[in-house]
Amino acid sequence: MPFSLFVLVGRVLIGVCVDSEVPRAVDAWRTELRTKNRAKTAASIAHPAENGALFEEGWDDALGREAEWRASRTQEVTVSE
């Protein structure tokens, strides 16, 4: 399951899916919940590093596809004058 990050830029809501950022987002979410005395809710949120099998597509597969996508988007550019 890809991570969907939505960022408000001016008046535009931009969405980005970045699987590799899910652990960081889950950690932040859990921390916020714990600071609000909602430890049980925080503990109930699946973390890909701890519960990879719970993620729909398989965590390793999703990260592999992201890596392939990143590699395909990174190309060497030669500038000639």
C-alpha atoms as a PDB file:
ATOM      1  CA  MET A   1       0.000   0.000   0.000  1.00  0.00           C
ATOM      2  CA  PRO A   2       1.690   3.229  -1.037  1.00  0.00           C
ATOM      3  CA  PHE A   3       1.949   6.122   1.316  1.00  0.00           C
ATOM      4  CA  SER A   4      -0.021   9.131   0.170  1.00  0.00           C
ATOM      5  CA  LEU A   5       1.324  12.438   1.323  1.00  0.00           C
ATOM      6  CA  PHE A   6      -0.819  15.476   0.699  1.00  0.00           C
ATOM      7  CA  VAL A   7       0.742  18.898   0.997  1.00  0.00           C
ATOM      8  CA  LEU A   8      -1.079  22.188   0.733  1.00  0.00           C
ATOM      9  CA  VAL A   9       0.938  24.582  -1.420  1.00  0.00           C
ATOM     10  CA  GLY A  10      -0.834  27.907  -1.576  1.00  0.00           C
ATOM     11  CA  ARG A  11      -4.357  26.857  -2.536  1.00  0.00           C
ATOM     12  CA  VAL A  12      -3.331  23.631  -4.289  1.00  0.00           C
ATOM     13  CA  LEU A  13      -3.364  20.250  -2.586  1.00  0.00           C
ATOM     14  CA  ILE A  14      -0.565  18.100  -3.986  1.00  0.00           C
ATOM     15  CA  GLY A  15      -0.478  14.336  -3.433  1.00  0.00           C
ATOM     16  CA  VAL A  16       2.643  12.197  -3.583  1.00  0.00           C
ATOM     17  CA  CYS A  17       3.027   8.441  -3.044  1.00  0.00           C
ATOM     18  CA  VAL A  18       6.349   7.479  -1.513  1.00  0.00           C
ATOM     19  CA  ASP A  19       6.483   3.990  -0.010  1.00  0.00           C
ATOM     20  CA  SER A  20       9.907   4.473   1.578  1.00  0.00           C
ATOM     21  CA  GLU A  21       8.568   7.353   3.699  1.00  0.00           C
ATOM     22  CA  VAL A  22       5.833   5.279   5.363  1.00  0.00           C
ATOM     23  CA  PRO A  23       7.954   4.243   8.386  1.00  0.00           C
ATOM     24  CA  ARG A  24       8.825   7.856   9.138  1.00  0.00           C
ATOM     25  CA  ALA A  25       5.190   8.929   8.785  1.00  0.00           C
ATOM     26  CA  VAL A  26       3.978   6.098  11.027  1.00  0.00           C
ATOM     27  CA  ASP A  27       6.601   6.974  13.656  1.00  0.00           C
ATOM     28  CA  ALA A  28       5.498  10.624  13.610  1.00  0.00           C
ATOM     29  CA  TRP A  29       1.832   9.655  13.801  1.00  0.00           C
ATOM     30  CA  ARG A  30       2.419   7.270  16.696  1.00  0.00           C
ATOM     31  CA  THR A  31       4.478   9.879  18.554  1.00  0.00           C
ATOM     32  CA  GLU A  32       1.753  12.484  18.130  1.00  0.00           C
ATOM     33  CA  LEU A  33      -0.883  10.064  19.415  1.00  0.00           C
ATOM     34  CA  ARG A  34       1.234   9.144  22.440  1.00  0.00           C
ATOM     35  CA  THR A  35       1.679  12.824  23.347  1.00  0.00           C
ATOM     36  CA  LYS A  36      -2.124  13.069  23.351  1.00  0.00           C
ATOM     37  CA  ASN A  37      -2.382  10.112  25.773  1.00  0.00           C
ATOM     38  CA  ARG A  38      -3.647   7.773  23.040  1.00  0.00           C
ATOM     39  CA  ALA A  39      -1.021   5.062  23.428  1.00  0.00           C
ATOM     40  CA  LYS A  40      -3.427   2.203  22.627  1.00  0.00           C
ATOM     41  CA  THR A  41      -4.402   3.852  19.349  1.00  0.00           C
ATOM     42  CA  ALA A  42      -0.722   4.457  18.519  1.00  0.00           C
ATOM     43  CA  ALA A  43       0.095   0.798  19.208  1.00  0.00           C
ATOM     44  CA  SER A  44      -2.691  -0.342  16.898  1.00  0.00           C
ATOM     45  CA  ILE A  45      -1.173   1.336  13.811  1.00  0.00           C
ATOM     46  CA  ALA A  46       0.750  -1.161  11.693  1.00  0.00           C
ATOM     47  CA  HIS A  47       4.393  -0.286  10.999  1.00  0.00           C
ATOM     48  CA  PRO A  48       5.943  -1.759   7.832  1.00  0.00           C
ATOM     49  CA  ALA A  49       9.230  -2.596   9.563  1.00  0.00           C
ATOM     50  CA  GLU A  50       7.358  -4.478  12.286  1.00  0.00           C
ATOM     51  CA  ASN A  51       4.358  -5.846  10.346  1.00  0.00           C
ATOM     52  CA  GLY A  52       5.401  -6.008   6.680  1.00  0.00           C
ATOM     53  CA  ALA A  53       3.028  -8.896   5.922  1.00  0.00           C
ATOM     54  CA  LEU A  54       0.039  -6.721   6.813  1.00  0.00           C
ATOM     55  CA  PHE A  55       0.689  -4.410   3.894  1.00  0.00           C
ATOM     56  CA  GLU A  56      -1.419  -5.290   0.862  1.00  0.00           C
ATOM     57  CA  GLU A  57       1.291  -5.628  -1.788  1.00  0.00           C
ATOM     58  CA  GLY A  58       4.068  -6.873   0.444  1.00  0.00           C
ATOM     59  CA  TRP A  59       6.456  -4.330   1.805  1.00  0.00           C
ATOM     60  CA  ASP A  60       9.602  -5.529   0.035  1.00  0.00           C
ATOM     61  CA  ASP A  61       7.789  -5.617  -3.311  1.00  0.00           C
ATOM     62  CA  ALA A  62       6.541  -2.046  -2.888  1.00  0.00           C
ATOM     63  CA  LEU A  63      10.014  -0.767  -1.997  1.00  0.00           C
ATOM     64  CA  GLY A  64      11.483  -2.648  -4.952  1.00  0.00           C
ATOM     65  CA  ARG A  65       9.017  -1.040  -7.352  1.00  0.00           C
ATOM     66  CA  GLU A  66       9.781   2.380  -5.907  1.00  0.00           C
ATOM     67  CA  ALA A  67      13.520   1.792  -6.375  1.00  0.00           C
ATOM     68  CA  GLU A  68      12.951   0.699  -9.975  1.00  0.00           C
ATOM     69  CA  TRP A  69      10.818   3.766 -10.608  1.00  0.00           C
ATOM     70  CA  ARG A  70      13.458   6.054  -9.119  1.00  0.00           C
ATOM     71  CA  ALA A  71      16.164   4.402 -11.238  1.00  0.00           C
ATOM     72  CA  SER A  72      14.086   4.851 -14.393  1.00  0.00           C
ATOM     73  CA  ARG A  73      13.573   8.539 -13.594  1.00  0.00           C
ATOM     74  CA  THR A  74      17.285   9.152 -13.013  1.00  0.00           C
ATOM     75  CA  GLN A  75      19.064   9.533 -16.280  1.00  0.00           C
ATOM     76  CA  GLU A  76      22.422  10.993 -17.098  1.00  0.00           C
ATOM     77  CA  VAL A  77      22.041  14.180 -19.069  1.00  0.00           C
ATOM     78  CA  THR A  78      24.835  15.451 -21.279  1.00  0.00           C
ATOM     79  CA  VAL A  79      24.770  19.125 -22.122  1.00  0.00           C
ATOM     80  CA  SER A  80      26.588  20.181 -25.262  1.00  0.00           C
ATOM     81  CA  GLU A  81      27.323  23.725 -26.261  1.00  0.00           C
END
